[in-house]
Amino acid sequence: MNILNAIFRFYVEGFRRMTLGRTLWVLVLLKLFVIFVILRLFFFRPAMQGMTIEEKQQHVAQRLGIPLDK
């Protein structure tokens, strides 16, 4: 348990003493927000919204090239 505490304190102190690194982390987090939230909302709508389970199965199987027998 002592080693985990030392590792935790190492990282906490490292992040506290950052100057340029803090700005870079803010940029990284902002970029991830834009990629995963903004782009998802406007460009990547759910493709199978409104389909039943059977229609979803057929759609995925068709995309993968797997024939479904009924």
PDB file of N, CA and C in Angstrom:
ATOM      1  N   MET A   1       0.823  -1.187   0.000  1.00  0.00           N
ATOM      2  CA  MET A   1       0.000   0.000   0.000  1.00  0.00           C
ATOM      3  C   MET A   1       0.871   1.258   0.000  1.00  0.00           C
ATOM      4  N   ASN A   2       2.033   1.170   0.591  1.00  0.00           N
ATOM      5  CA  ASN A   2       2.945   2.299   0.648  1.00  0.00           C
ATOM      6  C   ASN A   2       3.429   2.701  -0.740  1.00  0.00           C
ATOM      7  N   ILE A   3       3.669   1.707  -1.594  1.00  0.00           N
ATOM      8  CA  ILE A   3       4.163   2.005  -2.941  1.00  0.00           C
ATOM      9  C   ILE A   3       3.073   2.672  -3.786  1.00  0.00           C
ATOM     10  N   LEU A   4       1.815   2.266  -3.606  1.00  0.00           N
ATOM     11  CA  LEU A   4       0.722   2.907  -4.335  1.00  0.00           C
ATOM     12  C   LEU A   4       0.582   4.368  -3.914  1.00  0.00           C
ATOM     13  N   ASN A   5       0.740   4.619  -2.634  1.00  0.00           N
ATOM     14  CA  ASN A   5       0.669   5.984  -2.126  1.00  0.00           C
ATOM     15  C   ASN A   5       1.806   6.826  -2.708  1.00  0.00           C
ATOM     16  N   ALA A   6       2.996   6.267  -2.790  1.00  0.00           N
ATOM     17  CA  ALA A   6       4.139   6.990  -3.352  1.00  0.00           C
ATOM     18  C   ALA A   6       3.923   7.296  -4.834  1.00  0.00           C
ATOM     19  N   ILE A   7       3.384   6.351  -5.563  1.00  0.00           N
ATOM     20  CA  ILE A   7       3.113   6.559  -6.984  1.00  0.00           C
ATOM     21  C   ILE A   7       2.060   7.648  -7.164  1.00  0.00           C
ATOM     22  N   PHE A   8       1.018   7.593  -6.364  1.00  0.00           N
ATOM     23  CA  PHE A   8      -0.045   8.599  -6.434  1.00  0.00           C
ATOM     24  C   PHE A   8       0.511   9.991  -6.143  1.00  0.00           C
ATOM     25  N   ARG A   9       1.298  10.115  -5.105  1.00  0.00           N
ATOM     26  CA  ARG A   9       1.884  11.423  -4.748  1.00  0.00           C
ATOM     27  C   ARG A   9       2.835  11.925  -5.835  1.00  0.00           C
ATOM     28  N   PHE A  10       3.563  11.014  -6.460  1.00  0.00           N
ATOM     29  CA  PHE A  10       4.466  11.377  -7.550  1.00  0.00           C
ATOM     30  C   PHE A  10       3.698  12.070  -8.673  1.00  0.00           C
ATOM     31  N   TYR A  11       2.573  11.480  -9.081  1.00  0.00           N
ATOM     32  CA  TYR A  11       1.790  12.060 -10.162  1.00  0.00           C
ATOM     33  C   TYR A  11       1.092  13.342  -9.732  1.00  0.00           C
ATOM     34  N   VAL A  12       0.580  13.399  -8.532  1.00  0.00           N
ATOM     35  CA  VAL A  12      -0.087  14.606  -8.050  1.00  0.00           C
ATOM     36  C   VAL A  12       0.892  15.775  -8.019  1.00  0.00           C
ATOM     37  N   GLU A  13       2.068  15.556  -7.478  1.00  0.00           N
ATOM     38  CA  GLU A  13       3.068  16.627  -7.430  1.00  0.00           C
ATOM     39  C   GLU A  13       3.525  17.026  -8.831  1.00  0.00           C
ATOM     40  N   GLY A  14       3.639  16.061  -9.721  1.00  0.00           N
ATOM     41  CA  GLY A  14       4.034  16.367 -11.094  1.00  0.00           C
ATOM     42  C   GLY A  14       3.012  17.240 -11.798  1.00  0.00           C
ATOM     43  N   PHE A  15       1.723  16.950 -11.617  1.00  0.00           N
ATOM     44  CA  PHE A  15       0.684  17.760 -12.242  1.00  0.00           C
ATOM     45  C   PHE A  15       0.580  19.136 -11.587  1.00  0.00           C
ATOM     46  N   ARG A  16       0.876  19.250 -10.313  1.00  0.00           N
ATOM     47  CA  ARG A  16       0.833  20.547  -9.633  1.00  0.00           C
ATOM     48  C   ARG A  16       1.916  21.489 -10.139  1.00  0.00           C
ATOM     49  N   ARG A  17       3.074  20.954 -10.452  1.00  0.00           N
ATOM     50  CA  ARG A  17       4.212  21.787 -10.847  1.00  0.00           C
ATOM     51  C   ARG A  17       4.245  22.089 -12.337  1.00  0.00           C
ATOM     52  N   MET A  18       3.295  21.585 -13.081  1.00  0.00           N
ATOM     53  CA  MET A  18       3.272  21.816 -14.525  1.00  0.00           C
ATOM     54  C   MET A  18       2.956  23.274 -14.835  1.00  0.00           C
ATOM     55  N   THR A  19       3.557  23.784 -15.889  1.00  0.00           N
ATOM     56  CA  THR A  19       3.196  25.105 -16.391  1.00  0.00           C
ATOM     57  C   THR A  19       2.704  24.967 -17.830  1.00  0.00           C
ATOM     58  N   LEU A  20       3.577  24.627 -18.738  1.00  0.00           N
ATOM     59  CA  LEU A  20       3.198  24.435 -20.136  1.00  0.00           C
ATOM     60  C   LEU A  20       2.369  23.155 -20.294  1.00  0.00           C
ATOM     61  N   GLY A  21       2.698  22.146 -19.534  1.00  0.00           N
ATOM     62  CA  GLY A  21       1.987  20.870 -19.629  1.00  0.00           C
ATOM     63  C   GLY A  21       0.514  20.989 -19.313  1.00  0.00           C
ATOM     64  N   ARG A  22       0.164  21.855 -18.388  1.00  0.00           N
ATOM     65  CA  ARG A  22      -1.242  22.046 -18.024  1.00  0.00           C
ATOM     66  C   ARG A  22      -2.025  22.602 -19.210  1.00  0.00           C
ATOM     67  N   THR A  23      -1.429  23.544 -19.921  1.00  0.00           N
ATOM     68  CA  THR A  23      -2.076  24.111 -21.105  1.00  0.00           C
ATOM     69  C   THR A  23      -2.233  23.043 -22.183  1.00  0.00           C
ATOM     70  N   LEU A  24      -1.233  22.218 -22.353  1.00  0.00           N
ATOM     71  CA  LEU A  24      -1.322  21.151 -23.348  1.00  0.00           C
ATOM     72  C   LEU A  24      -2.395  20.137 -22.990  1.00  0.00           C
ATOM     73  N   TRP A  25      -2.526  19.812 -21.694  1.00  0.00           N
ATOM     74  CA  TRP A  25      -3.582  18.895 -21.264  1.00  0.00           C
ATOM     75  C   TRP A  25      -4.961  19.485 -21.525  1.00  0.00           C
ATOM     76  N   VAL A  26      -5.118  20.779 -21.311  1.00  0.00           N
ATOM     77  CA  VAL A  26      -6.398  21.436 -21.600  1.00  0.00           C
ATOM     78  C   VAL A  26      -6.707  21.329 -23.090  1.00  0.00           C
ATOM     79  N   LEU A  27      -5.719  21.539 -23.935  1.00  0.00           N
ATOM     80  CA  LEU A  27      -5.922  21.405 -25.377  1.00  0.00           C
ATOM     81  C   LEU A  27      -6.290  19.977 -25.768  1.00  0.00           C
ATOM     82  N   VAL A  28      -5.634  18.999 -25.176  1.00  0.00           N
ATOM     83  CA  VAL A  28      -5.933  17.595 -25.470  1.00  0.00           C
ATOM     84  C   VAL A  28      -7.370  17.266 -25.061  1.00  0.00           C
ATOM     85  N   LEU A  29      -7.769  17.681 -23.868  1.00  0.00           N
ATOM     86  CA  LEU A  29      -9.128  17.403 -23.399  1.00  0.00           C
ATOM     87  C   LEU A  29     -10.177  18.130 -24.235  1.00  0.00           C
ATOM     88  N   LEU A  30      -9.889  19.351 -24.641  1.00  0.00           N
ATOM     89  CA  LEU A  30     -10.800  20.088 -25.504  1.00  0.00           C
ATOM     90  C   LEU A  30     -10.948  19.396 -26.854  1.00  0.00           C
ATOM     91  N   LYS A  31      -9.852  18.924 -27.398  1.00  0.00           N
ATOM     92  CA  LYS A  31      -9.892  18.213 -28.680  1.00  0.00           C
ATOM     93  C   LYS A  31     -10.701  16.917 -28.567  1.00  0.00           C
ATOM     94  N   LEU A  32     -10.498  16.180 -27.488  1.00  0.00           N
ATOM     95  CA  LEU A  32     -11.281  14.954 -27.288  1.00  0.00           C
ATOM     96  C   LEU A  32     -12.766  15.261 -27.148  1.00  0.00           C
ATOM     97  N   PHE A  33     -13.088  16.352 -26.465  1.00  0.00           N
ATOM     98  CA  PHE A  33     -14.493  16.766 -26.336  1.00  0.00           C
ATOM     99  C   PHE A  33     -15.088  17.045 -27.708  1.00  0.00           C
ATOM    100  N   VAL A  34     -14.359  17.782 -28.531  1.00  0.00           N
ATOM    101  CA  VAL A  34     -14.861  18.099 -29.872  1.00  0.00           C
ATOM    102  C   VAL A  34     -15.039  16.828 -30.688  1.00  0.00           C
ATOM    103  N   ILE A  35     -14.076  15.946 -30.631  1.00  0.00           N
ATOM    104  CA  ILE A  35     -14.153  14.723 -31.426  1.00  0.00           C
ATOM    105  C   ILE A  35     -15.324  13.846 -31.000  1.00  0.00           C
ATOM    106  N   PHE A  36     -15.452  13.606 -29.704  1.00  0.00           N
ATOM    107  CA  PHE A  36     -16.433  12.626 -29.251  1.00  0.00           C
ATOM    108  C   PHE A  36     -17.815  13.192 -28.998  1.00  0.00           C
ATOM    109  N   VAL A  37     -17.954  14.479 -28.785  1.00  0.00           N
ATOM    110  CA  VAL A  37     -19.277  15.032 -28.489  1.00  0.00           C
ATOM    111  C   VAL A  37     -19.820  15.821 -29.672  1.00  0.00           C
ATOM    112  N   ILE A  38     -19.109  16.821 -30.095  1.00  0.00           N
ATOM    113  CA  ILE A  38     -19.620  17.699 -31.143  1.00  0.00           C
ATOM    114  C   ILE A  38     -19.772  16.958 -32.468  1.00  0.00           C
ATOM    115  N   LEU A  39     -18.740  16.245 -32.897  1.00  0.00           N
ATOM    116  CA  LEU A  39     -18.836  15.513 -34.161  1.00  0.00           C
ATOM    117  C   LEU A  39     -19.899  14.428 -34.105  1.00  0.00           C
ATOM    118  N   ARG A  40     -20.043  13.786 -32.966  1.00  0.00           N
ATOM    119  CA  ARG A  40     -21.061  12.733 -32.811  1.00  0.00           C
ATOM    120  C   ARG A  40     -22.462  13.316 -32.965  1.00  0.00           C
ATOM    121  N   LEU A  41     -22.674  14.493 -32.406  1.00  0.00           N
ATOM    122  CA  LEU A  41     -24.003  15.106 -32.471  1.00  0.00           C
ATOM    123  C   LEU A  41     -24.388  15.525 -33.882  1.00  0.00           C
ATOM    124  N   PHE A  42     -23.450  16.060 -34.637  1.00  0.00           N
ATOM    125  CA  PHE A  42     -23.793  16.641 -35.924  1.00  0.00           C
ATOM    126  C   PHE A  42     -23.522  15.755 -37.128  1.00  0.00           C
ATOM    127  N   PHE A  43     -22.569  14.837 -37.039  1.00  0.00           N
ATOM    128  CA  PHE A  43     -22.204  14.084 -38.224  1.00  0.00           C
ATOM    129  C   PHE A  43     -22.477  12.587 -38.135  1.00  0.00           C
ATOM    130  N   PHE A  44     -22.409  12.011 -36.959  1.00  0.00           N
ATOM    131  CA  PHE A  44     -22.517  10.565 -36.837  1.00  0.00           C
ATOM    132  C   PHE A  44     -23.806  10.187 -36.127  1.00  0.00           C
ATOM    133  N   ARG A  45     -24.893  10.323 -36.819  1.00  0.00           N
ATOM    134  CA  ARG A  45     -26.199   9.939 -36.271  1.00  0.00           C
ATOM    135  C   ARG A  45     -26.272   8.411 -36.196  1.00  0.00           C
ATOM    136  N   PRO A  46     -27.036   7.896 -35.252  1.00  0.00           N
ATOM    137  CA  PRO A  46     -27.189   6.441 -35.165  1.00  0.00           C
ATOM    138  C   PRO A  46     -27.783   5.873 -36.456  1.00  0.00           C
ATOM    139  N   ALA A  47     -27.078   4.959 -37.082  1.00  0.00           N
ATOM    140  CA  ALA A  47     -27.474   4.426 -38.386  1.00  0.00           C
ATOM    141  C   ALA A  47     -28.667   3.481 -38.290  1.00  0.00           C
ATOM    142  N   MET A  48     -28.844   2.849 -37.165  1.00  0.00           N
ATOM    143  CA  MET A  48     -29.903   1.857 -37.044  1.00  0.00           C
ATOM    144  C   MET A  48     -31.035   2.319 -36.128  1.00  0.00           C
ATOM    145  N   GLN A  49     -31.185   3.614 -35.987  1.00  0.00           N
ATOM    146  CA  GLN A  49     -32.242   4.153 -35.136  1.00  0.00           C
ATOM    147  C   GLN A  49     -33.598   3.873 -35.782  1.00  0.00           C
ATOM    148  N   GLY A  50     -34.527   3.372 -35.009  1.00  0.00           N
ATOM    149  CA  GLY A  50     -35.863   3.095 -35.503  1.00  0.00           C
ATOM    150  C   GLY A  50     -36.038   1.713 -36.099  1.00  0.00           C
ATOM    151  N   MET A  51     -35.001   0.897 -36.117  1.00  0.00           N
ATOM    152  CA  MET A  51     -35.094  -0.468 -36.648  1.00  0.00           C
ATOM    153  C   MET A  51     -35.454  -1.436 -35.530  1.00  0.00           C
ATOM    154  N   THR A  52     -36.125  -2.506 -35.914  1.00  0.00           N
ATOM    155  CA  THR A  52     -36.395  -3.567 -34.947  1.00  0.00           C
ATOM    156  C   THR A  52     -35.128  -4.403 -34.776  1.00  0.00           C
ATOM    157  N   ILE A  53     -35.147  -5.294 -33.817  1.00  0.00           N
ATOM    158  CA  ILE A  53     -33.981  -6.149 -33.570  1.00  0.00           C
ATOM    159  C   ILE A  53     -33.671  -7.010 -34.788  1.00  0.00           C
ATOM    160  N   GLU A  54     -34.704  -7.545 -35.425  1.00  0.00           N
ATOM    161  CA  GLU A  54     -34.494  -8.388 -36.598  1.00  0.00           C
ATOM    162  C   GLU A  54     -33.893  -7.589 -37.749  1.00  0.00           C
ATOM    163  N   GLU A  55     -34.381  -6.356 -37.948  1.00  0.00           N
ATOM    164  CA  GLU A  55     -33.830  -5.513 -39.006  1.00  0.00           C
ATOM    165  C   GLU A  55     -32.371  -5.156 -38.722  1.00  0.00           C
ATOM    166  N   LYS A  56     -32.056  -4.914 -37.451  1.00  0.00           N
ATOM    167  CA  LYS A  56     -30.676  -4.625 -37.076  1.00  0.00           C
ATOM    168  C   LYS A  56     -29.783  -5.825 -37.353  1.00  0.00           C
ATOM    169  N   GLN A  57     -30.266  -7.030 -37.024  1.00  0.00           N
ATOM    170  CA  GLN A  57     -29.490  -8.239 -37.272  1.00  0.00           C
ATOM    171  C   GLN A  57     -29.232  -8.417 -38.761  1.00  0.00           C
ATOM    172  N   GLN A  58     -30.251  -8.204 -39.566  1.00  0.00           N
ATOM    173  CA  GLN A  58     -30.095  -8.342 -41.010  1.00  0.00           C
ATOM    174  C   GLN A  58     -29.132  -7.289 -41.568  1.00  0.00           C
ATOM    175  N   HIS A  59     -29.246  -6.075 -41.082  1.00  0.00           N
ATOM    176  CA  HIS A  59     -28.369  -4.994 -41.543  1.00  0.00           C
ATOM    177  C   HIS A  59     -26.900  -5.290 -41.236  1.00  0.00           C
ATOM    178  N   VAL A  60     -26.618  -5.721 -40.010  1.00  0.00           N
ATOM    179  CA  VAL A  60     -25.243  -6.029 -39.616  1.00  0.00           C
ATOM    180  C   VAL A  60     -24.726  -7.233 -40.393  1.00  0.00           C
ATOM    181  N   ALA A  61     -25.545  -8.257 -40.534  1.00  0.00           N
ATOM    182  CA  ALA A  61     -25.134  -9.453 -41.274  1.00  0.00           C
ATOM    183  C   ALA A  61     -24.853  -9.110 -42.738  1.00  0.00           C
ATOM    184  N   GLN A  62     -25.680  -8.244 -43.315  1.00  0.00           N
ATOM    185  CA  GLN A  62     -25.475  -7.831 -44.692  1.00  0.00           C
ATOM    186  C   GLN A  62     -24.156  -7.082 -44.844  1.00  0.00           C
ATOM    187  N   ARG A  63     -23.847  -6.200 -43.901  1.00  0.00           N
ATOM    188  CA  ARG A  63     -22.592  -5.438 -43.940  1.00  0.00           C
ATOM    189  C   ARG A  63     -21.378  -6.338 -43.791  1.00  0.00           C
ATOM    190  N   LEU A  64     -21.521  -7.410 -42.997  1.00  0.00           N
ATOM    191  CA  LEU A  64     -20.413  -8.340 -42.777  1.00  0.00           C
ATOM    192  C   LEU A  64     -20.340  -9.410 -43.850  1.00  0.00           C
ATOM    193  N   GLY A  65     -21.381  -9.498 -44.675  1.00  0.00           N
ATOM    194  CA  GLY A  65     -21.383 -10.489 -45.738  1.00  0.00           C
ATOM    195  C   GLY A  65     -21.779 -11.883 -45.276  1.00  0.00           C
ATOM    196  N   ILE A  66     -22.545 -11.934 -44.204  1.00  0.00           N
ATOM    197  CA  ILE A  66     -22.990 -13.223 -43.656  1.00  0.00           C
ATOM    198  C   ILE A  66     -24.424 -13.454 -44.091  1.00  0.00           C
ATOM    199  N   PRO A  67     -24.707 -14.550 -44.798  1.00  0.00           N
ATOM    200  CA  PRO A  67     -26.094 -14.814 -45.193  1.00  0.00           C
ATOM    201  C   PRO A  67     -26.918 -15.282 -44.001  1.00  0.00           C
ATOM    202  N   LEU A  68     -28.098 -14.711 -43.842  1.00  0.00           N
ATOM    203  CA  LEU A  68     -29.010 -15.117 -42.779  1.00  0.00           C
ATOM    204  C   LEU A  68     -30.123 -15.939 -43.384  1.00  0.00           C
ATOM    205  N   ASP A  69     -30.344 -17.125 -42.866  1.00  0.00           N
ATOM    206  CA  ASP A  69     -31.439 -17.986 -43.330  1.00  0.00           C
ATOM    207  C   ASP A  69     -32.582 -17.871 -42.356  1.00  0.00           C
ATOM    208  N   LYS A  70     -33.780 -17.771 -42.895  1.00  0.00           N
ATOM    209  CA  LYS A  70     -34.954 -17.686 -42.022  1.00  0.00           C
ATOM    210  C   LYS A  70     -35.684 -18.996 -41.983  1.00  0.00           C
TER     211      LYS A  70
END
